[in-house]
Amino acid sequence: DSGTYAEVRNSGRFGAIANSNIETDGIDIENHYRPISQGGAINYSRVN
């Protein structure tokens, strides 16, 4: 559920997340690949 999803994402204790996001242009790329501490709101891979 949504609450558990937020908890798991924040904890980082998962192997993979399956999702998509409807956005436009480079904004979405920033959100996915910026470090979480620097605004990567949907950085599911937790890359830095």
All heavy atoms as atom14 arrays in JSON, in Angstrom:
{
  "sequence": "DSGTYAEVRNSGRFGAIANSNIETDGIDIENHYRPISQGGAINYSRVN",
  "atom14_mask": [
    [1, 1, 1, 1, 1, 1, 1, 1, 0, 0, 0, 0, 0, 0],
    [1, 1, 1, 1, 1, 1, 0, 0, 0, 0, 0, 0, 0, 0],
    [1, 1, 1, 1, 0, 0, 0, 0, 0, 0, 0, 0, 0, 0],
    [1, 1, 1, 1, 1, 1, 1, 0, 0, 0, 0, 0, 0, 0],
    [1, 1, 1, 1, 1, 1, 1, 1, 1, 1, 1, 1, 0, 0],
    [1, 1, 1, 1, 1, 0, 0, 0, 0, 0, 0, 0, 0, 0],
    [1, 1, 1, 1, 1, 1, 1, 1, 1, 0, 0, 0, 0, 0],
    [1, 1, 1, 1, 1, 1, 1, 0, 0, 0, 0, 0, 0, 0],
    [1, 1, 1, 1, 1, 1, 1, 1, 1, 1, 1, 0, 0, 0],
    [1, 1, 1, 1, 1, 1, 1, 1, 0, 0, 0, 0, 0, 0],
    [1, 1, 1, 1, 1, 1, 0, 0, 0, 0, 0, 0, 0, 0],
    [1, 1, 1, 1, 0, 0, 0, 0, 0, 0, 0, 0, 0, 0],
    [1, 1, 1, 1, 1, 1, 1, 1, 1, 1, 1, 0, 0, 0],
    [1, 1, 1, 1, 1, 1, 1, 1, 1, 1, 1, 0, 0, 0],
    [1, 1, 1, 1, 0, 0, 0, 0, 0, 0, 0, 0, 0, 0],
    [1, 1, 1, 1, 1, 0, 0, 0, 0, 0, 0, 0, 0, 0],
    [1, 1, 1, 1, 1, 1, 1, 1, 0, 0, 0, 0, 0, 0],
    [1, 1, 1, 1, 1, 0, 0, 0, 0, 0, 0, 0, 0, 0],
    [1, 1, 1, 1, 1, 1, 1, 1, 0, 0, 0, 0, 0, 0],
    [1, 1, 1, 1, 1, 1, 0, 0, 0, 0, 0, 0, 0, 0],
    [1, 1, 1, 1, 1, 1, 1, 1, 0, 0, 0, 0, 0, 0],
    [1, 1, 1, 1, 1, 1, 1, 1, 0, 0, 0, 0, 0, 0],
    [1, 1, 1, 1, 1, 1, 1, 1, 1, 0, 0, 0, 0, 0],
    [1, 1, 1, 1, 1, 1, 1, 0, 0, 0, 0, 0, 0, 0],
    [1, 1, 1, 1, 1, 1, 1, 1, 0, 0, 0, 0, 0, 0],
    [1, 1, 1, 1, 0, 0, 0, 0, 0, 0, 0, 0, 0, 0],
    [1, 1, 1, 1, 1, 1, 1, 1, 0, 0, 0, 0, 0, 0],
    [1, 1, 1, 1, 1, 1, 1, 1, 0, 0, 0, 0, 0, 0],
    [1, 1, 1, 1, 1, 1, 1, 1, 0, 0, 0, 0, 0, 0],
    [1, 1, 1, 1, 1, 1, 1, 1, 1, 0, 0, 0, 0, 0],
    [1, 1, 1, 1, 1, 1, 1, 1, 0, 0, 0, 0, 0, 0],
    [1, 1, 1, 1, 1, 1, 1, 1, 1, 1, 0, 0, 0, 0],
    [1, 1, 1, 1, 1, 1, 1, 1, 1, 1, 1, 1, 0, 0],
    [1, 1, 1, 1, 1, 1, 1, 1, 1, 1, 1, 0, 0, 0],
    [1, 1, 1, 1, 1, 1, 1, 0, 0, 0, 0, 0, 0, 0],
    [1, 1, 1, 1, 1, 1, 1, 1, 0, 0, 0, 0, 0, 0],
    [1, 1, 1, 1, 1, 1, 0, 0, 0, 0, 0, 0, 0, 0],
    [1, 1, 1, 1, 1, 1, 1, 1, 1, 0, 0, 0, 0, 0],
    [1, 1, 1, 1, 0, 0, 0, 0, 0, 0, 0, 0, 0, 0],
    [1, 1, 1, 1, 0, 0, 0, 0, 0, 0, 0, 0, 0, 0],
    [1, 1, 1, 1, 1, 0, 0, 0, 0, 0, 0, 0, 0, 0],
    [1, 1, 1, 1, 1, 1, 1, 1, 0, 0, 0, 0, 0, 0],
    [1, 1, 1, 1, 1, 1, 1, 1, 0, 0, 0, 0, 0, 0],
    [1, 1, 1, 1, 1, 1, 1, 1, 1, 1, 1, 1, 0, 0],
    [1, 1, 1, 1, 1, 1, 0, 0, 0, 0, 0, 0, 0, 0],
    [1, 1, 1, 1, 1, 1, 1, 1, 1, 1, 1, 0, 0, 0],
    [1, 1, 1, 1, 1, 1, 1, 0, 0, 0, 0, 0, 0, 0],
    [1, 1, 1, 1, 1, 1, 1, 1, 0, 0, 0, 0, 0, 0]
  ],
  "atom14_positions": [
    [[0.84, -1.19, 0.0], [0.0, 0.0, 0.0], [0.88, 1.25, 0.0], [2.1, 1.17, 0.13], [-0.96, 0.0, 1.19], [-0.24, -0.06, 2.53], [0.82, 0.56, 2.69], [-0.73, -0.76, 3.44], [0.0, 0.0, 0.0], [0.0, 0.0, 0.0], [0.0, 0.0, 0.0], [0.0, 0.0, 0.0], [0.0, 0.0, 0.0], [0.0, 0.0, 0.0]],
    [[0.25, 2.4, -0.13], [1.01, 3.65, -0.3], [1.9, 3.95, 0.9], [3.04, 4.4, 0.74], [0.04, 4.81, -0.53], [-0.68, 4.63, -1.73], [0.0, 0.0, 0.0], [0.0, 0.0, 0.0], [0.0, 0.0, 0.0], [0.0, 0.0, 0.0], [0.0, 0.0, 0.0], [0.0, 0.0, 0.0], [0.0, 0.0, 0.0], [0.0, 0.0, 0.0]],
    [[1.38, 3.71, 2.11], [2.17, 3.99, 3.3], [3.4, 3.1, 3.39], [4.51, 3.58, 3.67], [0.0, 0.0, 0.0], [0.0, 0.0, 0.0], [0.0, 0.0, 0.0], [0.0, 0.0, 0.0], [0.0, 0.0, 0.0], [0.0, 0.0, 0.0], [0.0, 0.0, 0.0], [0.0, 0.0, 0.0], [0.0, 0.0, 0.0], [0.0, 0.0, 0.0]],
    [[3.21, 1.8, 3.15], [4.34, 0.87, 3.18], [5.33, 1.18, 2.07], [6.55, 1.09, 2.26], [3.83, -0.58, 3.04], [2.87, -0.85, 4.07], [4.98, -1.57, 3.14], [0.0, 0.0, 0.0], [0.0, 0.0, 0.0], [0.0, 0.0, 0.0], [0.0, 0.0, 0.0], [0.0, 0.0, 0.0], [0.0, 0.0, 0.0], [0.0, 0.0, 0.0]],
    [[4.81, 1.56, 0.91], [5.68, 1.91, -0.22], [6.61, 3.06, 0.15], [7.82, 3.0, -0.11], [4.8, 2.29, -1.42], [5.56, 2.71, -2.65], [6.33, 1.79, -3.37], [5.5, 4.02, -3.12], [7.02, 2.16, -4.51], [6.18, 4.4, -4.27], [6.94, 3.47, -4.95], [7.62, 3.85, -6.08], [0.0, 0.0, 0.0], [0.0, 0.0, 0.0]],
    [[6.07, 4.1, 0.78], [6.89, 5.24, 1.19], [7.93, 4.81, 2.22], [9.1, 5.24, 2.16], [6.0, 6.34, 1.76], [0.0, 0.0, 0.0], [0.0, 0.0, 0.0], [0.0, 0.0, 0.0], [0.0, 0.0, 0.0], [0.0, 0.0, 0.0], [0.0, 0.0, 0.0], [0.0, 0.0, 0.0], [0.0, 0.0, 0.0], [0.0, 0.0, 0.0]],
    [[7.54, 3.95, 3.16], [8.47, 3.49, 4.19], [9.62, 2.68, 3.58], [10.79, 2.88, 3.93], [7.73, 2.63, 5.22], [6.77, 3.41, 6.11], [6.0, 2.5, 7.05], [6.33, 1.29, 7.09], [5.09, 2.98, 7.73], [0.0, 0.0, 0.0], [0.0, 0.0, 0.0], [0.0, 0.0, 0.0], [0.0, 0.0, 0.0], [0.0, 0.0, 0.0]],
    [[9.28, 1.78, 2.68], [10.31, 0.93, 2.06], [11.26, 1.79, 1.22], [12.49, 1.61, 1.28], [9.65, -0.17, 1.2], [10.71, -0.93, 0.4], [8.86, -1.13, 2.07], [0.0, 0.0, 0.0], [0.0, 0.0, 0.0], [0.0, 0.0, 0.0], [0.0, 0.0, 0.0], [0.0, 0.0, 0.0], [0.0, 0.0, 0.0], [0.0, 0.0, 0.0]],
    [[10.71, 2.69, 0.44], [11.56, 3.58, -0.37], [12.52, 4.36, 0.5], [13.72, 4.47, 0.2], [10.69, 4.55, -1.17], [10.25, 4.04, -2.52], [9.55, 5.14, -3.28], [10.37, 6.33, -3.42], [9.93, 7.53, -3.8], [8.65, 7.68, -4.07], [10.74, 8.54, -3.92], [0.0, 0.0, 0.0], [0.0, 0.0, 0.0], [0.0, 0.0, 0.0]],
    [[12.03, 4.95, 1.57], [12.86, 5.77, 2.44], [13.92, 4.95, 3.16], [15.03, 5.43, 3.42], [11.99, 6.51, 3.46], [11.13, 7.58, 2.82], [11.45, 8.1, 1.76], [10.01, 7.91, 3.45], [0.0, 0.0, 0.0], [0.0, 0.0, 0.0], [0.0, 0.0, 0.0], [0.0, 0.0, 0.0], [0.0, 0.0, 0.0], [0.0, 0.0, 0.0]],
    [[13.58, 3.7, 3.48], [14.54, 2.85, 4.19], [15.67, 2.37, 3.28], [16.78, 2.09, 3.75], [13.83, 1.62, 4.77], [13.48, 0.69, 3.74], [0.0, 0.0, 0.0], [0.0, 0.0, 0.0], [0.0, 0.0, 0.0], [0.0, 0.0, 0.0], [0.0, 0.0, 0.0], [0.0, 0.0, 0.0], [0.0, 0.0, 0.0], [0.0, 0.0, 0.0]],
    [[15.4, 2.26, 1.98], [16.39, 1.76, 1.05], [16.58, 0.26, 1.09], [17.45, -0.29, 0.4], [0.0, 0.0, 0.0], [0.0, 0.0, 0.0], [0.0, 0.0, 0.0], [0.0, 0.0, 0.0], [0.0, 0.0, 0.0], [0.0, 0.0, 0.0], [0.0, 0.0, 0.0], [0.0, 0.0, 0.0], [0.0, 0.0, 0.0], [0.0, 0.0, 0.0]],
    [[15.75, -0.44, 1.84], [15.89, -1.88, 1.98], [14.98, -2.61, 0.99], [13.92, -3.13, 1.36], [15.6, -2.3, 3.43], [16.57, -1.69, 4.43], [16.23, -2.11, 5.86], [16.4, -3.54, 6.06], [17.56, -4.13, 6.32], [18.67, -3.41, 6.39], [17.62, -5.43, 6.52], [0.0, 0.0, 0.0], [0.0, 0.0, 0.0], [0.0, 0.0, 0.0]],
    [[15.38, -2.6, -0.25], [14.65, -3.28, -1.32], [15.63, -3.59, -2.44], [16.7, -2.98, -2.54], [13.5, -2.41, -1.84], [13.94, -1.08, -2.39], [14.34, -0.95, -3.71], [13.98, 0.05, -1.58], [14.76, 0.27, -4.22], [14.39, 1.28, -2.08], [14.78, 1.38, -3.4], [0.0, 0.0, 0.0], [0.0, 0.0, 0.0], [0.0, 0.0, 0.0]],
    [[15.28, -4.55, -3.28], [16.15, -4.9, -4.39], [15.87, -4.09, -5.64], [16.78, -3.68, -6.35], [0.0, 0.0, 0.0], [0.0, 0.0, 0.0], [0.0, 0.0, 0.0], [0.0, 0.0, 0.0], [0.0, 0.0, 0.0], [0.0, 0.0, 0.0], [0.0, 0.0, 0.0], [0.0, 0.0, 0.0], [0.0, 0.0, 0.0], [0.0, 0.0, 0.0]],
    [[14.58, -3.85, -5.91], [14.19, -3.12, -7.11], [12.82, -2.51, -6.89], [12.02, -3.0, -6.09], [14.18, -4.04, -8.33], [0.0, 0.0, 0.0], [0.0, 0.0, 0.0], [0.0, 0.0, 0.0], [0.0, 0.0, 0.0], [0.0, 0.0, 0.0], [0.0, 0.0, 0.0], [0.0, 0.0, 0.0], [0.0, 0.0, 0.0], [0.0, 0.0, 0.0]],
    [[12.55, -1.44, -7.62], [11.23, -0.81, -7.64], [10.77, -0.74, -9.09], [11.54, -0.35, -9.97], [11.26, 0.59, -7.0], [11.27, 0.47, -5.47], [10.08, 1.44, -7.45], [11.29, 1.8, -4.74], [0.0, 0.0, 0.0], [0.0, 0.0, 0.0], [0.0, 0.0, 0.0], [0.0, 0.0, 0.0], [0.0, 0.0, 0.0], [0.0, 0.0, 0.0]],
    [[9.54, -1.11, -9.33], [8.95, -1.03, -10.66], [8.01, 0.16, -10.7], [7.06, 0.23, -9.92], [8.21, -2.3, -11.0], [0.0, 0.0, 0.0], [0.0, 0.0, 0.0], [0.0, 0.0, 0.0], [0.0, 0.0, 0.0], [0.0, 0.0, 0.0], [0.0, 0.0, 0.0], [0.0, 0.0, 0.0], [0.0, 0.0, 0.0], [0.0, 0.0, 0.0]],
    [[8.27, 1.12, -11.61], [7.41, 2.3, -11.68], [7.69, 3.08, -12.96], [8.64, 2.8, -13.69], [7.64, 3.2, -10.46], [6.37, 3.94, -10.05], [5.45, 4.09, -10.84], [6.32, 4.4, -8.82], [0.0, 0.0, 0.0], [0.0, 0.0, 0.0], [0.0, 0.0, 0.0], [0.0, 0.0, 0.0], [0.0, 0.0, 0.0], [0.0, 0.0, 0.0]],
    [[6.84, 4.06, -13.19], [7.02, 5.02, -14.29], [6.63, 6.38, -13.76], [6.1, 6.5, -12.66], [6.15, 4.64, -15.5], [4.78, 4.67, -15.14], [0.0, 0.0, 0.0], [0.0, 0.0, 0.0], [0.0, 0.0, 0.0], [0.0, 0.0, 0.0], [0.0, 0.0, 0.0], [0.0, 0.0, 0.0], [0.0, 0.0, 0.0], [0.0, 0.0, 0.0]],
    [[6.86, 7.41, -14.57], [6.47, 8.76, -14.15], [6.14, 9.59, -15.38], [6.92, 9.62, -16.33], [7.57, 9.43, -13.35], [7.09, 10.69, -12.64], [6.11, 10.66, -11.92], [7.77, 11.8, -12.86], [0.0, 0.0, 0.0], [0.0, 0.0, 0.0], [0.0, 0.0, 0.0], [0.0, 0.0, 0.0], [0.0, 0.0, 0.0], [0.0, 0.0, 0.0]],
    [[4.98, 10.22, -15.36], [4.58, 11.06, -16.49], [5.06, 12.49, -16.22], [4.56, 13.17, -15.33], [3.06, 11.04, -16.69], [2.6, 9.62, -16.98], [2.64, 11.96, -17.83], [1.1, 9.48, -17.11], [0.0, 0.0, 0.0], [0.0, 0.0, 0.0], [0.0, 0.0, 0.0], [0.0, 0.0, 0.0], [0.0, 0.0, 0.0], [0.0, 0.0, 0.0]],
    [[6.05, 12.9, -16.96], [6.61, 14.25, -16.85], [7.02, 14.72, -18.23], [6.71, 14.09, -19.24], [7.82, 14.27, -15.9], [7.52, 14.88, -14.54], [7.04, 16.32, -14.6], [7.16, 16.98, -15.67], [6.54, 16.81, -13.58], [0.0, 0.0, 0.0], [0.0, 0.0, 0.0], [0.0, 0.0, 0.0], [0.0, 0.0, 0.0], [0.0, 0.0, 0.0]],
    [[7.71, 15.82, -18.29], [8.15, 16.34, -19.57], [9.62, 16.73, -19.52], [10.11, 17.23, -18.52], [7.35, 17.6, -19.97], [7.42, 18.54, -18.89], [5.9, 17.26, -20.23], [0.0, 0.0, 0.0], [0.0, 0.0, 0.0], [0.0, 0.0, 0.0], [0.0, 0.0, 0.0], [0.0, 0.0, 0.0], [0.0, 0.0, 0.0], [0.0, 0.0, 0.0]],
    [[10.32, 16.45, -20.6], [11.68, 16.91, -20.83], [12.62, 16.46, -19.71], [12.46, 15.41, -19.13], [11.67, 18.43, -20.99], [12.92, 18.93, -21.71], [13.39, 18.24, -22.62], [13.41, 20.0, -21.35], [0.0, 0.0, 0.0], [0.0, 0.0, 0.0], [0.0, 0.0, 0.0], [0.0, 0.0, 0.0], [0.0, 0.0, 0.0], [0.0, 0.0, 0.0]],
    [[13.61, 17.27, -19.4], [14.68, 16.86, -18.48], [14.3, 16.86, -17.02], [15.06, 16.36, -16.19], [0.0, 0.0, 0.0], [0.0, 0.0, 0.0], [0.0, 0.0, 0.0], [0.0, 0.0, 0.0], [0.0, 0.0, 0.0], [0.0, 0.0, 0.0], [0.0, 0.0, 0.0], [0.0, 0.0, 0.0], [0.0, 0.0, 0.0], [0.0, 0.0, 0.0]],
    [[13.16, 17.41, -16.66], [12.76, 17.47, -15.25], [12.71, 16.07, -14.66], [13.19, 15.8, -13.57], [11.39, 18.16, -15.11], [11.48, 19.6, -15.62], [10.93, 18.14, -13.66], [10.13, 20.3, -15.69], [0.0, 0.0, 0.0], [0.0, 0.0, 0.0], [0.0, 0.0, 0.0], [0.0, 0.0, 0.0], [0.0, 0.0, 0.0], [0.0, 0.0, 0.0]],
    [[12.14, 15.15, -15.4], [11.98, 13.78, -14.93], [13.34, 13.11, -14.76], [13.55, 12.35, -13.82], [11.12, 13.01, -15.92], [10.46, 11.8, -15.28], [9.97, 11.92, -14.16], [10.47, 10.76, -15.93], [0.0, 0.0, 0.0], [0.0, 0.0, 0.0], [0.0, 0.0, 0.0], [0.0, 0.0, 0.0], [0.0, 0.0, 0.0], [0.0, 0.0, 0.0]],
    [[14.26, 13.39, -15.68], [15.59, 12.78, -15.6], [16.31, 13.28, -14.35], [16.98, 12.51, -13.65], [16.4, 13.11, -16.88], [15.67, 12.55, -18.11], [17.8, 12.51, -16.78], [16.3, 12.92, -19.43], [0.0, 0.0, 0.0], [0.0, 0.0, 0.0], [0.0, 0.0, 0.0], [0.0, 0.0, 0.0], [0.0, 0.0, 0.0], [0.0, 0.0, 0.0]],
    [[16.17, 14.56, -14.04], [16.75, 15.11, -12.82], [16.21, 14.37, -11.6], [16.96, 13.97, -10.71], [16.41, 16.6, -12.7], [17.12, 17.5, -13.7], [18.46, 17.99, -13.16], [18.67, 17.93, -11.94], [19.29, 18.41, -13.99], [0.0, 0.0, 0.0], [0.0, 0.0, 0.0], [0.0, 0.0, 0.0], [0.0, 0.0, 0.0], [0.0, 0.0, 0.0]],
    [[14.91, 14.2, -11.54], [14.28, 13.57, -10.37], [14.72, 12.13, -10.19], [14.83, 11.63, -9.07], [12.76, 13.62, -10.5], [12.21, 15.02, -10.34], [12.85, 15.89, -9.76], [11.02, 15.26, -10.86], [0.0, 0.0, 0.0], [0.0, 0.0, 0.0], [0.0, 0.0, 0.0], [0.0, 0.0, 0.0], [0.0, 0.0, 0.0], [0.0, 0.0, 0.0]],
    [[15.01, 11.44, -11.29], [15.4, 10.03, -11.23], [16.88, 9.84, -10.9], [17.24, 8.84, -10.25], [15.11, 9.33, -12.56], [13.73, 8.78, -12.68], [13.27, 7.75, -11.88], [12.7, 9.09, -13.5], [12.02, 7.46, -12.2], [11.65, 8.25, -13.18], [0.0, 0.0, 0.0], [0.0, 0.0, 0.0], [0.0, 0.0, 0.0], [0.0, 0.0, 0.0]],
    [[17.75, 10.74, -11.33], [19.18, 10.44, -11.29], [20.01, 11.41, -10.46], [21.2, 11.19, -10.28], [19.72, 10.33, -12.72], [19.13, 9.14, -13.43], [18.07, 9.28, -14.32], [19.58, 7.85, -13.14], [17.49, 8.18, -14.93], [19.01, 6.74, -13.75], [17.97, 6.91, -14.65], [17.39, 5.81, -15.24], [0.0, 0.0, 0.0], [0.0, 0.0, 0.0]],
    [[19.42, 12.48, -9.93], [20.12, 13.27, -8.93], [20.22, 12.46, -7.64], [19.31, 11.69, -7.33], [19.37, 14.57, -8.64], [19.53, 15.67, -9.68], [20.89, 16.29, -9.62], [20.99, 17.39, -10.58], [22.15, 17.93, -10.95], [23.28, 17.49, -10.43], [22.16, 18.92, -11.81], [0.0, 0.0, 0.0], [0.0, 0.0, 0.0], [0.0, 0.0, 0.0]],
    [[21.27, 12.63, -6.86], [21.33, 11.97, -5.55], [20.12, 12.33, -4.72], [19.6, 13.45, -4.81], [22.62, 12.51, -4.94], [23.46, 12.91, -6.11], [22.5, 13.41, -7.15], [0.0, 0.0, 0.0], [0.0, 0.0, 0.0], [0.0, 0.0, 0.0], [0.0, 0.0, 0.0], [0.0, 0.0, 0.0], [0.0, 0.0, 0.0], [0.0, 0.0, 0.0]],
    [[19.65, 11.4, -3.9], [18.47, 11.63, -3.07], [18.66, 12.87, -2.2], [17.73, 13.66, -2.03], [18.18, 10.39, -2.21], [17.78, 9.22, -3.11], [17.08, 10.67, -1.19], [17.62, 7.91, -2.37], [0.0, 0.0, 0.0], [0.0, 0.0, 0.0], [0.0, 0.0, 0.0], [0.0, 0.0, 0.0], [0.0, 0.0, 0.0], [0.0, 0.0, 0.0]],
    [[19.86, 13.07, -1.7], [20.14, 14.21, -0.83], [20.18, 15.54, -1.58], [20.2, 16.61, -0.97], [21.47, 14.01, -0.1], [22.54, 13.92, -1.04], [0.0, 0.0, 0.0], [0.0, 0.0, 0.0], [0.0, 0.0, 0.0], [0.0, 0.0, 0.0], [0.0, 0.0, 0.0], [0.0, 0.0, 0.0], [0.0, 0.0, 0.0], [0.0, 0.0, 0.0]],
    [[20.18, 15.47, -2.92], [20.25, 16.68, -3.74], [19.01, 16.85, -4.62], [19.08, 17.47, -5.68], [21.51, 16.66, -4.6], [22.81, 16.62, -3.8], [24.03, 16.5, -4.67], [24.04, 16.93, -5.82], [25.09, 15.89, -4.12], [0.0, 0.0, 0.0], [0.0, 0.0, 0.0], [0.0, 0.0, 0.0], [0.0, 0.0, 0.0], [0.0, 0.0, 0.0]],
    [[17.9, 16.29, -4.17], [16.65, 16.52, -4.9], [16.17, 15.38, -5.77], [15.21, 15.55, -6.52], [0.0, 0.0, 0.0], [0.0, 0.0, 0.0], [0.0, 0.0, 0.0], [0.0, 0.0, 0.0], [0.0, 0.0, 0.0], [0.0, 0.0, 0.0], [0.0, 0.0, 0.0], [0.0, 0.0, 0.0], [0.0, 0.0, 0.0], [0.0, 0.0, 0.0]],
    [[16.84, 14.22, -5.71], [16.41, 13.08, -6.52], [15.18, 12.43, -5.91], [15.25, 11.35, -5.3], [0.0, 0.0, 0.0], [0.0, 0.0, 0.0], [0.0, 0.0, 0.0], [0.0, 0.0, 0.0], [0.0, 0.0, 0.0], [0.0, 0.0, 0.0], [0.0, 0.0, 0.0], [0.0, 0.0, 0.0], [0.0, 0.0, 0.0], [0.0, 0.0, 0.0]],
    [[14.04, 13.07, -6.09], [12.81, 12.65, -5.41], [12.38, 11.24, -5.77], [11.78, 10.54, -4.95], [11.7, 13.64, -5.72], [0.0, 0.0, 0.0], [0.0, 0.0, 0.0], [0.0, 0.0, 0.0], [0.0, 0.0, 0.0], [0.0, 0.0, 0.0], [0.0, 0.0, 0.0], [0.0, 0.0, 0.0], [0.0, 0.0, 0.0], [0.0, 0.0, 0.0]],
    [[12.65, 10.81, -7.0], [12.27, 9.46, -7.42], [13.5, 8.71, -7.91], [13.45, 7.98, -8.91], [11.16, 9.49, -8.49], [11.49, 10.49, -9.61], [9.82, 9.84, -7.86], [10.45, 10.5, -10.72], [0.0, 0.0, 0.0], [0.0, 0.0, 0.0], [0.0, 0.0, 0.0], [0.0, 0.0, 0.0], [0.0, 0.0, 0.0], [0.0, 0.0, 0.0]],
    [[14.61, 8.88, -7.18], [15.84, 8.16, -7.49], [15.73, 6.76, -6.91], [16.31, 6.44, -5.87], [17.03, 8.92, -6.9], [18.37, 8.28, -7.24], [18.43, 7.17, -7.75], [19.45, 8.98, -6.95], [0.0, 0.0, 0.0], [0.0, 0.0, 0.0], [0.0, 0.0, 0.0], [0.0, 0.0, 0.0], [0.0, 0.0, 0.0], [0.0, 0.0, 0.0]],
    [[14.96, 5.9, -7.59], [14.69, 4.56, -7.08], [15.94, 3.69, -7.0], [16.02, 2.79, -6.16], [13.65, 3.86, -7.96], [12.34, 4.59, -8.08], [11.8, 4.9, -9.33], [11.62, 4.98, -6.96], [10.59, 5.56, -9.46], [10.41, 5.64, -7.06], [9.9, 5.94, -8.32], [8.71, 6.6, -8.44], [0.0, 0.0, 0.0], [0.0, 0.0, 0.0]],
    [[16.9, 3.92, -7.9], [18.12, 3.11, -7.88], [19.11, 3.59, -6.82], [20.1, 2.92, -6.56], [18.79, 3.13, -9.26], [19.17, 4.45, -9.6], [0.0, 0.0, 0.0], [0.0, 0.0, 0.0], [0.0, 0.0, 0.0], [0.0, 0.0, 0.0], [0.0, 0.0, 0.0], [0.0, 0.0, 0.0], [0.0, 0.0, 0.0], [0.0, 0.0, 0.0]],
    [[18.84, 4.78, -6.23], [19.66, 5.34, -5.16], [21.1, 5.6, -5.61], [22.05, 5.5, -4.84], [19.62, 4.44, -3.92], [18.21, 4.16, -3.42], [18.19, 3.31, -2.17], [18.63, 4.05, -0.99], [17.86, 4.85, -0.27], [16.58, 5.04, -0.61], [18.33, 5.46, 0.79], [0.0, 0.0, 0.0], [0.0, 0.0, 0.0], [0.0, 0.0, 0.0]],
    [[21.24, 5.96, -6.87], [22.56, 6.2, -7.43], [23.08, 7.58, -7.05], [22.32, 8.54, -6.92], [22.54, 6.06, -8.98], [21.68, 7.14, -9.63], [23.94, 6.07, -9.55], [0.0, 0.0, 0.0], [0.0, 0.0, 0.0], [0.0, 0.0, 0.0], [0.0, 0.0, 0.0], [0.0, 0.0, 0.0], [0.0, 0.0, 0.0], [0.0, 0.0, 0.0]],
    [[24.39, 7.67, -6.85], [25.09, 8.95, -6.67], [26.41, 8.8, -7.4], [27.43, 8.4, -6.83], [25.31, 9.25, -5.18], [25.94, 10.61, -4.96], [26.3, 11.31, -5.91], [26.09, 11.0, -3.71], [0.0, 0.0, 0.0], [0.0, 0.0, 0.0], [0.0, 0.0, 0.0], [0.0, 0.0, 0.0], [0.0, 0.0, 0.0], [0.0, 0.0, 0.0]]
  ]
}
